[in-house]
């Protein structure tokens, strides 16, 4: 599964003068209040589910089709988000607290 931080997306849109919704990134989950940078092997709890971060999600070139310059802006510092595996099959819902479990 892939995750994107709302704060990162907002910063990208401000930098590039865009107003695209985060769904353009096509991440599975949009989270807020946590920094995903360099979190490999850390575990995130979202509602009743734990997600172990496996690494950084690099953006594809198609991001530039949505907004010129977006691919390059997302590429450094984990700005494309993170990917991980679900350790639990617990429920998640919009508005669930997102916290580091480790």
PDB file of N, CA and C in Angstrom:
ATOM      1  N   UNK A   1       0.840  -1.166   0.000  1.00  0.00           N
ATOM      2  CA  UNK A   1       0.000   0.000   0.000  1.00  0.00           C
ATOM      3  C   UNK A   1       0.889   1.234   0.000  1.00  0.00           C
ATOM      4  N   UNK A   2       0.384   2.317  -0.546  1.00  0.00           N
ATOM      5  CA  UNK A   2       1.161   3.558  -0.604  1.00  0.00           C
ATOM      6  C   UNK A   2       0.502   4.637   0.242  1.00  0.00           C
ATOM      7  N   UNK A   3       1.349   5.493   0.798  1.00  0.00           N
ATOM      8  CA  UNK A   3       0.882   6.566   1.674  1.00  0.00           C
ATOM      9  C   UNK A   3       1.477   7.886   1.215  1.00  0.00           C
ATOM     10  N   UNK A   4       0.723   8.935   1.362  1.00  0.00           N
ATOM     11  CA  UNK A   4       1.164  10.287   1.045  1.00  0.00           C
ATOM     12  C   UNK A   4       0.767  11.195   2.198  1.00  0.00           C
ATOM     13  N   UNK A   5       1.658  12.106   2.575  1.00  0.00           N
ATOM     14  CA  UNK A   5       1.366  13.049   3.660  1.00  0.00           C
ATOM     15  C   UNK A   5       0.676  14.292   3.105  1.00  0.00           C
ATOM     16  N   UNK A   6      -0.435  14.663   3.698  1.00  0.00           N
ATOM     17  CA  UNK A   6      -1.196  15.836   3.278  1.00  0.00           C
ATOM     18  C   UNK A   6      -0.329  17.096   3.289  1.00  0.00           C
ATOM     19  N   UNK A   7       0.494  17.237   4.317  1.00  0.00           N
ATOM     20  CA  UNK A   7       1.338  18.429   4.438  1.00  0.00           C
ATOM     21  C   UNK A   7       2.331  18.531   3.276  1.00  0.00           C
ATOM     22  N   UNK A   8       2.851  17.395   2.845  1.00  0.00           N
ATOM     23  CA  UNK A   8       3.783  17.388   1.711  1.00  0.00           C
ATOM     24  C   UNK A   8       3.050  17.786   0.438  1.00  0.00           C
ATOM     25  N   UNK A   9       1.873  17.219   0.226  1.00  0.00           N
ATOM     26  CA  UNK A   9       1.103  17.559  -0.967  1.00  0.00           C
ATOM     27  C   UNK A   9       0.775  19.047  -0.989  1.00  0.00           C
ATOM     28  N   UNK A  10       0.353  19.583   0.140  1.00  0.00           N
ATOM     29  CA  UNK A  10       0.033  21.015   0.212  1.00  0.00           C
ATOM     30  C   UNK A  10       1.255  21.864  -0.122  1.00  0.00           C
ATOM     31  N   UNK A  11       2.424  21.473   0.380  1.00  0.00           N
ATOM     32  CA  UNK A  11       3.662  22.206   0.094  1.00  0.00           C
ATOM     33  C   UNK A  11       4.009  22.126  -1.395  1.00  0.00           C
ATOM     34  N   UNK A  12       3.845  20.958  -1.989  1.00  0.00           N
ATOM     35  CA  UNK A  12       4.113  20.808  -3.420  1.00  0.00           C
ATOM     36  C   UNK A  12       3.209  21.712  -4.243  1.00  0.00           C
ATOM     37  N   UNK A  13       1.935  21.739  -3.913  1.00  0.00           N
ATOM     38  CA  UNK A  13       0.997  22.581  -4.655  1.00  0.00           C
ATOM     39  C   UNK A  13       1.353  24.058  -4.493  1.00  0.00           C
ATOM     40  N   UNK A  14       1.742  24.463  -3.298  1.00  0.00           N
ATOM     41  CA  UNK A  14       2.129  25.866  -3.067  1.00  0.00           C
ATOM     42  C   UNK A  14       3.380  26.212  -3.870  1.00  0.00           C
ATOM     43  N   UNK A  15       4.363  25.326  -3.869  1.00  0.00           N
ATOM     44  CA  UNK A  15       5.613  25.575  -4.601  1.00  0.00           C
ATOM     45  C   UNK A  15       5.388  25.696  -6.096  1.00  0.00           C
ATOM     46  N   UNK A  16       4.502  24.864  -6.627  1.00  0.00           N
ATOM     47  CA  UNK A  16       4.293  24.822  -8.077  1.00  0.00           C
ATOM     48  C   UNK A  16       3.106  25.662  -8.539  1.00  0.00           C
ATOM     49  N   UNK A  17       2.426  26.302  -7.607  1.00  0.00           N
ATOM     50  CA  UNK A  17       1.265  27.118  -7.970  1.00  0.00           C
ATOM     51  C   UNK A  17       0.096  26.288  -8.473  1.00  0.00           C
ATOM     52  N   UNK A  18       0.007  25.048  -7.996  1.00  0.00           N
ATOM     53  CA  UNK A  18      -1.064  24.151  -8.425  1.00  0.00           C
ATOM     54  C   UNK A  18      -2.184  24.074  -7.410  1.00  0.00           C
ATOM     55  N   UNK A  19      -3.266  23.456  -7.835  1.00  0.00           N
ATOM     56  CA  UNK A  19      -4.409  23.259  -6.932  1.00  0.00           C
ATOM     57  C   UNK A  19      -5.036  21.887  -7.153  1.00  0.00           C
ATOM     58  N   UNK A  20      -4.202  20.921  -7.488  1.00  0.00           N
ATOM     59  CA  UNK A  20      -4.693  19.569  -7.753  1.00  0.00           C
ATOM     60  C   UNK A  20      -5.051  18.849  -6.456  1.00  0.00           C
ATOM     61  N   UNK A  21      -6.051  17.979  -6.497  1.00  0.00           N
ATOM     62  CA  UNK A  21      -6.362  17.178  -5.316  1.00  0.00           C
ATOM     63  C   UNK A  21      -5.295  16.103  -5.122  1.00  0.00           C
ATOM     64  N   UNK A  22      -5.067  15.657  -3.898  1.00  0.00           N
ATOM     65  CA  UNK A  22      -4.055  14.625  -3.654  1.00  0.00           C
ATOM     66  C   UNK A  22      -4.351  13.304  -4.356  1.00  0.00           C
ATOM     67  N   UNK A  23      -5.572  13.093  -4.781  1.00  0.00           N
ATOM     68  CA  UNK A  23      -5.905  11.849  -5.487  1.00  0.00           C
ATOM     69  C   UNK A  23      -5.124  11.704  -6.790  1.00  0.00           C
ATOM     70  N   UNK A  24      -4.594  12.801  -7.309  1.00  0.00           N
ATOM     71  CA  UNK A  24      -3.758  12.754  -8.511  1.00  0.00           C
ATOM     72  C   UNK A  24      -2.549  11.858  -8.273  1.00  0.00           C
ATOM     73  N   UNK A  25      -2.051  11.839  -7.065  1.00  0.00           N
ATOM     74  CA  UNK A  25      -0.882  11.023  -6.718  1.00  0.00           C
ATOM     75  C   UNK A  25      -1.210   9.543  -6.739  1.00  0.00           C
ATOM     76  N   UNK A  26      -2.470   9.203  -6.571  1.00  0.00           N
ATOM     77  CA  UNK A  26      -2.953   7.821  -6.608  1.00  0.00           C
ATOM     78  C   UNK A  26      -2.394   6.969  -5.471  1.00  0.00           C
ATOM     79  N   UNK A  27      -2.141   7.575  -4.329  1.00  0.00           N
ATOM     80  CA  UNK A  27      -1.727   6.812  -3.142  1.00  0.00           C
ATOM     81  C   UNK A  27      -2.961   6.149  -2.536  1.00  0.00           C
ATOM     82  N   UNK A  28      -2.745   5.059  -1.832  1.00  0.00           N
ATOM     83  CA  UNK A  28      -3.856   4.366  -1.190  1.00  0.00           C
ATOM     84  C   UNK A  28      -4.396   5.123   0.015  1.00  0.00           C
ATOM     85  N   UNK A  29      -3.482   5.761   0.764  1.00  0.00           N
ATOM     86  CA  UNK A  29      -3.888   6.481   1.969  1.00  0.00           C
ATOM     87  C   UNK A  29      -3.252   7.868   2.013  1.00  0.00           C
ATOM     88  N   UNK A  30      -4.049   8.850   2.373  1.00  0.00           N
ATOM     89  CA  UNK A  30      -3.560  10.204   2.614  1.00  0.00           C
ATOM     90  C   UNK A  30      -3.561  10.391   4.120  1.00  0.00           C
ATOM     91  N   UNK A  31      -2.403  10.677   4.695  1.00  0.00           N
ATOM     92  CA  UNK A  31      -2.292  10.836   6.143  1.00  0.00           C
ATOM     93  C   UNK A  31      -1.884  12.264   6.476  1.00  0.00           C
ATOM     94  N   UNK A  32      -2.136  12.662   7.695  1.00  0.00           N
ATOM     95  CA  UNK A  32      -1.751  13.998   8.155  1.00  0.00           C
ATOM     96  C   UNK A  32      -1.174  13.888   9.556  1.00  0.00           C
ATOM     97  N   UNK A  33      -0.247  14.776   9.847  1.00  0.00           N
ATOM     98  CA  UNK A  33       0.315  14.849  11.188  1.00  0.00           C
ATOM     99  C   UNK A  33       1.503  13.938  11.442  1.00  0.00           C
ATOM    100  N   UNK A  34       1.966  13.228  10.426  1.00  0.00           N
ATOM    101  CA  UNK A  34       3.158  12.386  10.568  1.00  0.00           C
ATOM    102  C   UNK A  34       4.099  12.654   9.404  1.00  0.00           C
ATOM    103  N   UNK A  35       5.376  12.592   9.690  1.00  0.00           N
ATOM    104  CA  UNK A  35       6.404  12.758   8.671  1.00  0.00           C
ATOM    105  C   UNK A  35       6.842  11.370   8.218  1.00  0.00           C
ATOM    106  N   UNK A  36       6.777  11.106   6.919  1.00  0.00           N
ATOM    107  CA  UNK A  36       7.112   9.788   6.390  1.00  0.00           C
ATOM    108  C   UNK A  36       8.582   9.656   5.989  1.00  0.00           C
ATOM    109  N   UNK A  37       9.329  10.741   6.042  1.00  0.00           N
ATOM    110  CA  UNK A  37      10.719  10.743   5.582  1.00  0.00           C
ATOM    111  C   UNK A  37      11.581   9.796   6.421  1.00  0.00           C
ATOM    112  N   UNK A  38      12.330   8.922   5.738  1.00  0.00           N
ATOM    113  CA  UNK A  38      13.278   7.992   6.374  1.00  0.00           C
ATOM    114  C   UNK A  38      12.636   7.160   7.485  1.00  0.00           C
ATOM    115  N   UNK A  39      11.486   6.586   7.194  1.00  0.00           N
ATOM    116  CA  UNK A  39      10.772   5.800   8.201  1.00  0.00           C
ATOM    117  C   UNK A  39      10.766   4.303   7.891  1.00  0.00           C
ATOM    118  N   UNK A  40      11.632   3.883   6.997  1.00  0.00           N
ATOM    119  CA  UNK A  40      11.722   2.453   6.656  1.00  0.00           C
ATOM    120  C   UNK A  40      11.827   1.619   7.936  1.00  0.00           C
ATOM    121  N   UNK A  41      11.058   0.547   7.995  1.00  0.00           N
ATOM    122  CA  UNK A  41      10.982  -0.404   9.103  1.00  0.00           C
ATOM    123  C   UNK A  41      10.239   0.132  10.336  1.00  0.00           C
ATOM    124  N   UNK A  42       9.717   1.335  10.265  1.00  0.00           N
ATOM    125  CA  UNK A  42       8.887   1.844  11.364  1.00  0.00           C
ATOM    126  C   UNK A  42       7.441   1.430  11.108  1.00  0.00           C
ATOM    127  N   UNK A  43       6.651   1.413  12.176  1.00  0.00           N
ATOM    128  CA  UNK A  43       5.268   0.966  12.071  1.00  0.00           C
ATOM    129  C   UNK A  43       4.321   2.100  12.417  1.00  0.00           C
ATOM    130  N   UNK A  44       3.384   2.313  11.525  1.00  0.00           N
ATOM    131  CA  UNK A  44       2.391   3.370  11.663  1.00  0.00           C
ATOM    132  C   UNK A  44       1.066   2.720  12.047  1.00  0.00           C
ATOM    133  N   UNK A  45       0.368   3.320  13.004  1.00  0.00           N
ATOM    134  CA  UNK A  45      -0.962   2.812  13.380  1.00  0.00           C
ATOM    135  C   UNK A  45      -2.003   3.807  12.862  1.00  0.00           C
ATOM    136  N   UNK A  46      -2.938   3.267  12.106  1.00  0.00           N
ATOM    137  CA  UNK A  46      -4.057   4.055  11.587  1.00  0.00           C
ATOM    138  C   UNK A  46      -5.321   3.308  11.970  1.00  0.00           C
ATOM    139  N   UNK A  47      -6.079   3.870  12.900  1.00  0.00           N
ATOM    140  CA  UNK A  47      -7.256   3.174  13.392  1.00  0.00           C
ATOM    141  C   UNK A  47      -6.854   1.835  13.979  1.00  0.00           C
ATOM    142  N   UNK A  48      -7.464   0.760  13.501  1.00  0.00           N
ATOM    143  CA  UNK A  48      -7.165  -0.581  14.002  1.00  0.00           C
ATOM    144  C   UNK A  48      -6.138  -1.326  13.173  1.00  0.00           C
ATOM    145  N   UNK A  49      -5.413  -0.623  12.343  1.00  0.00           N
ATOM    146  CA  UNK A  49      -4.447  -1.268  11.451  1.00  0.00           C
ATOM    147  C   UNK A  49      -3.038  -0.742  11.696  1.00  0.00           C
ATOM    148  N   UNK A  50      -2.068  -1.634  11.621  1.00  0.00           N
ATOM    149  CA  UNK A  50      -0.662  -1.234  11.677  1.00  0.00           C
ATOM    150  C   UNK A  50      -0.048  -1.446  10.301  1.00  0.00           C
ATOM    151  N   UNK A  51       0.731  -0.476   9.867  1.00  0.00           N
ATOM    152  CA  UNK A  51       1.393  -0.546   8.567  1.00  0.00           C
ATOM    153  C   UNK A  51       2.889  -0.398   8.787  1.00  0.00           C
ATOM    154  N   UNK A  52       3.657  -1.384   8.350  1.00  0.00           N
ATOM    155  CA  UNK A  52       5.112  -1.295   8.448  1.00  0.00           C
ATOM    156  C   UNK A  52       5.632  -0.661   7.159  1.00  0.00           C
ATOM    157  N   UNK A  53       6.319   0.453   7.308  1.00  0.00           N
ATOM    158  CA  UNK A  53       6.862   1.165   6.157  1.00  0.00           C
ATOM    159  C   UNK A  53       8.041   0.377   5.596  1.00  0.00           C
ATOM    160  N   UNK A  54       7.999   0.106   4.316  1.00  0.00           N
ATOM    161  CA  UNK A  54       9.039  -0.661   3.639  1.00  0.00           C
ATOM    162  C   UNK A  54      10.019   0.223   2.875  1.00  0.00           C
ATOM    163  N   UNK A  55       9.596   1.441   2.521  1.00  0.00           N
ATOM    164  CA  UNK A  55      10.502   2.318   1.788  1.00  0.00           C
ATOM    165  C   UNK A  55       9.793   3.519   1.198  1.00  0.00           C
ATOM    166  N   UNK A  56      10.526   4.202   0.373  1.00  0.00           N
ATOM    167  CA  UNK A  56      10.071   5.429  -0.275  1.00  0.00           C
ATOM    168  C   UNK A  56       9.375   5.106  -1.593  1.00  0.00           C
ATOM    169  N   UNK A  57       8.289   5.801  -1.870  1.00  0.00           N
ATOM    170  CA  UNK A  57       7.612   5.681  -3.157  1.00  0.00           C
ATOM    171  C   UNK A  57       8.105   6.801  -4.063  1.00  0.00           C
ATOM    172  N   UNK A  58       8.801   6.434  -5.112  1.00  0.00           N
ATOM    173  CA  UNK A  58       9.278   7.427  -6.077  1.00  0.00           C
ATOM    174  C   UNK A  58       8.154   7.724  -7.071  1.00  0.00           C
ATOM    175  N   UNK A  59       7.965   8.979  -7.423  1.00  0.00           N
ATOM    176  CA  UNK A  59       6.903   9.323  -8.369  1.00  0.00           C
ATOM    177  C   UNK A  59       7.279   8.933  -9.792  1.00  0.00           C
ATOM    178  N   UNK A  60       6.281   8.674 -10.597  1.00  0.00           N
ATOM    179  CA  UNK A  60       6.536   8.363 -12.001  1.00  0.00           C
ATOM    180  C   UNK A  60       6.469   9.649 -12.829  1.00  0.00           C
ATOM    181  N   UNK A  61       6.947   9.545 -14.046  1.00  0.00           N
ATOM    182  CA  UNK A  61       6.994  10.693 -14.948  1.00  0.00           C
ATOM    183  C   UNK A  61       5.608  11.227 -15.285  1.00  0.00           C
ATOM    184  N   UNK A  62       4.597  10.414 -15.088  1.00  0.00           N
ATOM    185  CA  UNK A  62       3.227  10.842 -15.417  1.00  0.00           C
ATOM    186  C   UNK A  62       2.744  11.987 -14.533  1.00  0.00           C
ATOM    187  N   UNK A  63       3.426  12.228 -13.428  1.00  0.00           N
ATOM    188  CA  UNK A  63       3.049  13.346 -12.565  1.00  0.00           C
ATOM    189  C   UNK A  63       3.137  14.664 -13.325  1.00  0.00           C
ATOM    190  N   UNK A  64       4.060  14.746 -14.277  1.00  0.00           N
ATOM    191  CA  UNK A  64       4.196  15.975 -15.072  1.00  0.00           C
ATOM    192  C   UNK A  64       3.023  16.184 -16.016  1.00  0.00           C
ATOM    193  N   UNK A  65       2.283  15.128 -16.334  1.00  0.00           N
ATOM    194  CA  UNK A  65       1.075  15.282 -17.153  1.00  0.00           C
ATOM    195  C   UNK A  65       0.002  16.015 -16.349  1.00  0.00           C
ATOM    196  N   UNK A  66       0.001  15.811 -15.057  1.00  0.00           N
ATOM    197  CA  UNK A  66      -0.975  16.469 -14.192  1.00  0.00           C
ATOM    198  C   UNK A  66      -0.581  17.914 -13.918  1.00  0.00           C
ATOM    199  N   UNK A  67       0.733  18.134 -13.698  1.00  0.00           N
ATOM    200  CA  UNK A  67       1.232  19.474 -13.396  1.00  0.00           C
ATOM    201  C   UNK A  67       2.715  19.516 -13.761  1.00  0.00           C
ATOM    202  N   UNK A  68       3.088  20.322 -14.734  1.00  0.00           N
ATOM    203  CA  UNK A  68       4.500  20.396 -15.124  1.00  0.00           C
ATOM    204  C   UNK A  68       5.397  20.708 -13.922  1.00  0.00           C
ATOM    205  N   UNK A  69       6.470  19.925 -13.791  1.00  0.00           N
ATOM    206  CA  UNK A  69       7.417  20.104 -12.695  1.00  0.00           C
ATOM    207  C   UNK A  69       7.117  19.278 -11.465  1.00  0.00           C
ATOM    208  N   UNK A  70       5.950  18.641 -11.423  1.00  0.00           N
ATOM    209  CA  UNK A  70       5.559  17.892 -10.227  1.00  0.00           C
ATOM    210  C   UNK A  70       6.468  16.685 -10.000  1.00  0.00           C
ATOM    211  N   UNK A  71       6.836  15.978 -11.048  1.00  0.00           N
ATOM    212  CA  UNK A  71       7.709  14.806 -10.898  1.00  0.00           C
ATOM    213  C   UNK A  71       9.014  15.185 -10.215  1.00  0.00           C
ATOM    214  N   UNK A  72       9.692  16.188 -10.722  1.00  0.00           N
ATOM    215  CA  UNK A  72      10.979  16.603 -10.142  1.00  0.00           C
ATOM    216  C   UNK A  72      10.812  17.118  -8.718  1.00  0.00           C
ATOM    217  N   UNK A  73       9.726  17.814  -8.451  1.00  0.00           N
ATOM    218  CA  UNK A  73       9.494  18.362  -7.106  1.00  0.00           C
ATOM    219  C   UNK A  73       9.224  17.264  -6.092  1.00  0.00           C
ATOM    220  N   UNK A  74       8.619  16.171  -6.539  1.00  0.00           N
ATOM    221  CA  UNK A  74       8.282  15.070  -5.631  1.00  0.00           C
ATOM    222  C   UNK A  74       9.455  14.131  -5.393  1.00  0.00           C
ATOM    223  N   UNK A  75      10.407  14.116  -6.287  1.00  0.00           N
ATOM    224  CA  UNK A  75      11.441  13.089  -6.266  1.00  0.00           C
ATOM    225  C   UNK A  75      12.328  13.104  -5.017  1.00  0.00           C
ATOM    226  N   UNK A  76      12.845  14.245  -4.552  1.00  0.00           N
ATOM    227  CA  UNK A  76      13.742  14.193  -3.388  1.00  0.00           C
ATOM    228  C   UNK A  76      12.991  14.092  -2.051  1.00  0.00           C
ATOM    229  N   UNK A  77      13.692  13.607  -1.056  1.00  0.00           N
ATOM    230  CA  UNK A  77      13.245  13.658   0.347  1.00  0.00           C
ATOM    231  C   UNK A  77      11.904  12.982   0.618  1.00  0.00           C
ATOM    232  N   UNK A  78      11.633  11.878  -0.054  1.00  0.00           N
ATOM    233  CA  UNK A  78      10.418  11.087   0.190  1.00  0.00           C
ATOM    234  C   UNK A  78       9.132  11.863  -0.106  1.00  0.00           C
ATOM    235  N   UNK A  79       9.201  12.879  -0.948  1.00  0.00           N
ATOM    236  CA  UNK A  79       8.009  13.687  -1.210  1.00  0.00           C
ATOM    237  C   UNK A  79       6.972  12.956  -2.059  1.00  0.00           C
ATOM    238  N   UNK A  80       7.342  11.801  -2.595  1.00  0.00           N
ATOM    239  CA  UNK A  80       6.373  10.969  -3.305  1.00  0.00           C
ATOM    240  C   UNK A  80       5.616  10.050  -2.371  1.00  0.00           C
ATOM    241  N   UNK A  81       6.025  10.046  -1.096  1.00  0.00           N
ATOM    242  CA  UNK A  81       5.350   9.224  -0.110  1.00  0.00           C
ATOM    243  C   UNK A  81       6.146   7.989   0.265  1.00  0.00           C
ATOM    244  N   UNK A  82       5.451   7.040   0.845  1.00  0.00           N
ATOM    245  CA  UNK A  82       6.070   5.808   1.319  1.00  0.00           C
ATOM    246  C   UNK A  82       5.182   4.626   0.927  1.00  0.00           C
ATOM    247  N   UNK A  83       5.778   3.433   0.955  1.00  0.00           N
ATOM    248  CA  UNK A  83       4.981   2.231   0.742  1.00  0.00           C
ATOM    249  C   UNK A  83       5.209   1.291   1.913  1.00  0.00           C
ATOM    250  N   UNK A  84       4.206   0.496   2.210  1.00  0.00           N
ATOM    251  CA  UNK A  84       4.320  -0.412   3.339  1.00  0.00           C
ATOM    252  C   UNK A  84       3.403  -1.602   3.206  1.00  0.00           C
ATOM    253  N   UNK A  85       3.467  -2.455   4.211  1.00  0.00           N
ATOM    254  CA  UNK A  85       2.606  -3.635   4.248  1.00  0.00           C
ATOM    255  C   UNK A  85       1.734  -3.569   5.498  1.00  0.00           C
ATOM    256  N   UNK A  86       0.508  -4.004   5.348  1.00  0.00           N
ATOM    257  CA  UNK A  86      -0.416  -4.042   6.481  1.00  0.00           C
ATOM    258  C   UNK A  86      -0.063  -5.231   7.357  1.00  0.00           C
ATOM    259  N   UNK A  87       0.121  -4.982   8.639  1.00  0.00           N
ATOM    260  CA  UNK A  87       0.410  -6.046   9.598  1.00  0.00           C
ATOM    261  C   UNK A  87      -0.862  -6.588  10.243  1.00  0.00           C
ATOM    262  N   UNK A  88      -1.937  -5.804  10.151  1.00  0.00           N
ATOM    263  CA  UNK A  88      -3.229  -6.193  10.713  1.00  0.00           C
ATOM    264  C   UNK A  88      -4.310  -5.937   9.663  1.00  0.00           C
ATOM    265  N   UNK A  89      -5.421  -6.581   9.839  1.00  0.00           N
ATOM    266  CA  UNK A  89      -6.544  -6.338   8.934  1.00  0.00           C
ATOM    267  C   UNK A  89      -7.633  -5.532   9.640  1.00  0.00           C
ATOM    268  N   UNK A  90      -7.232  -4.749  10.626  1.00  0.00           N
ATOM    269  CA  UNK A  90      -8.197  -3.958  11.391  1.00  0.00           C
ATOM    270  C   UNK A  90      -8.807  -2.844  10.565  1.00  0.00           C
ATOM    271  N   UNK A  91      -9.911  -2.288  11.039  1.00  0.00           N
ATOM    272  CA  UNK A  91     -10.623  -1.250  10.292  1.00  0.00           C
ATOM    273  C   UNK A  91      -9.894   0.097  10.328  1.00  0.00           C
ATOM    274  N   UNK A  92     -10.049   0.841   9.251  1.00  0.00           N
ATOM    275  CA  UNK A  92      -9.590   2.230   9.189  1.00  0.00           C
ATOM    276  C   UNK A  92     -10.735   3.064   8.635  1.00  0.00           C
ATOM    277  N   UNK A  93     -10.761   4.326   9.028  1.00  0.00           N
ATOM    278  CA  UNK A  93     -11.819   5.215   8.556  1.00  0.00           C
ATOM    279  C   UNK A  93     -11.267   6.631   8.441  1.00  0.00           C
ATOM    280  N   UNK A  94     -11.908   7.418   7.623  1.00  0.00           N
ATOM    281  CA  UNK A  94     -11.538   8.825   7.491  1.00  0.00           C
ATOM    282  C   UNK A  94     -11.594   9.460   8.874  1.00  0.00           C
ATOM    283  N   UNK A  95     -10.548  10.178   9.223  1.00  0.00           N
ATOM    284  CA  UNK A  95     -10.488  10.840  10.516  1.00  0.00           C
ATOM    285  C   UNK A  95      -9.800  10.047  11.614  1.00  0.00           C
ATOM    286  N   UNK A  96      -9.424   8.789  11.323  1.00  0.00           N
ATOM    287  CA  UNK A  96      -8.696   7.988  12.326  1.00  0.00           C
ATOM    288  C   UNK A  96      -7.382   8.670  12.693  1.00  0.00           C
ATOM    289  N   UNK A  97      -6.986   8.509  13.941  1.00  0.00           N
ATOM    290  CA  UNK A  97      -5.693   9.017  14.385  1.00  0.00           C
ATOM    291  C   UNK A  97      -4.590   8.228  13.698  1.00  0.00           C
ATOM    292  N   UNK A  98      -3.534   8.930  13.352  1.00  0.00           N
ATOM    293  CA  UNK A  98      -2.365   8.327  12.722  1.00  0.00           C
ATOM    294  C   UNK A  98      -1.178   8.584  13.652  1.00  0.00           C
ATOM    295  N   UNK A  99      -0.579   7.511  14.170  1.00  0.00           N
ATOM    296  CA  UNK A  99       0.530   7.645  15.119  1.00  0.00           C
ATOM    297  C   UNK A  99       1.575   6.563  14.833  1.00  0.00           C
ATOM    298  N   UNK A 100       2.794   6.863  15.218  1.00  0.00           N
ATOM    299  CA  UNK A 100       3.849   5.841  15.125  1.00  0.00           C
ATOM    300  C   UNK A 100       3.663   4.853  16.255  1.00  0.00           C
ATOM    301  N   UNK A 101       3.707   3.567  15.930  1.00  0.00           N
ATOM    302  CA  UNK A 101       3.459   2.520  16.916  1.00  0.00           C
ATOM    303  C   UNK A 101       4.744   2.018  17.559  1.00  0.00           C
ATOM    304  N   UNK A 102       5.894   2.471  17.063  1.00  0.00           N
ATOM    305  CA  UNK A 102       7.149   1.986  17.641  1.00  0.00           C
ATOM    306  C   UNK A 102       7.987   3.118  18.200  1.00  0.00           C
TER     307      UNK A 102
END
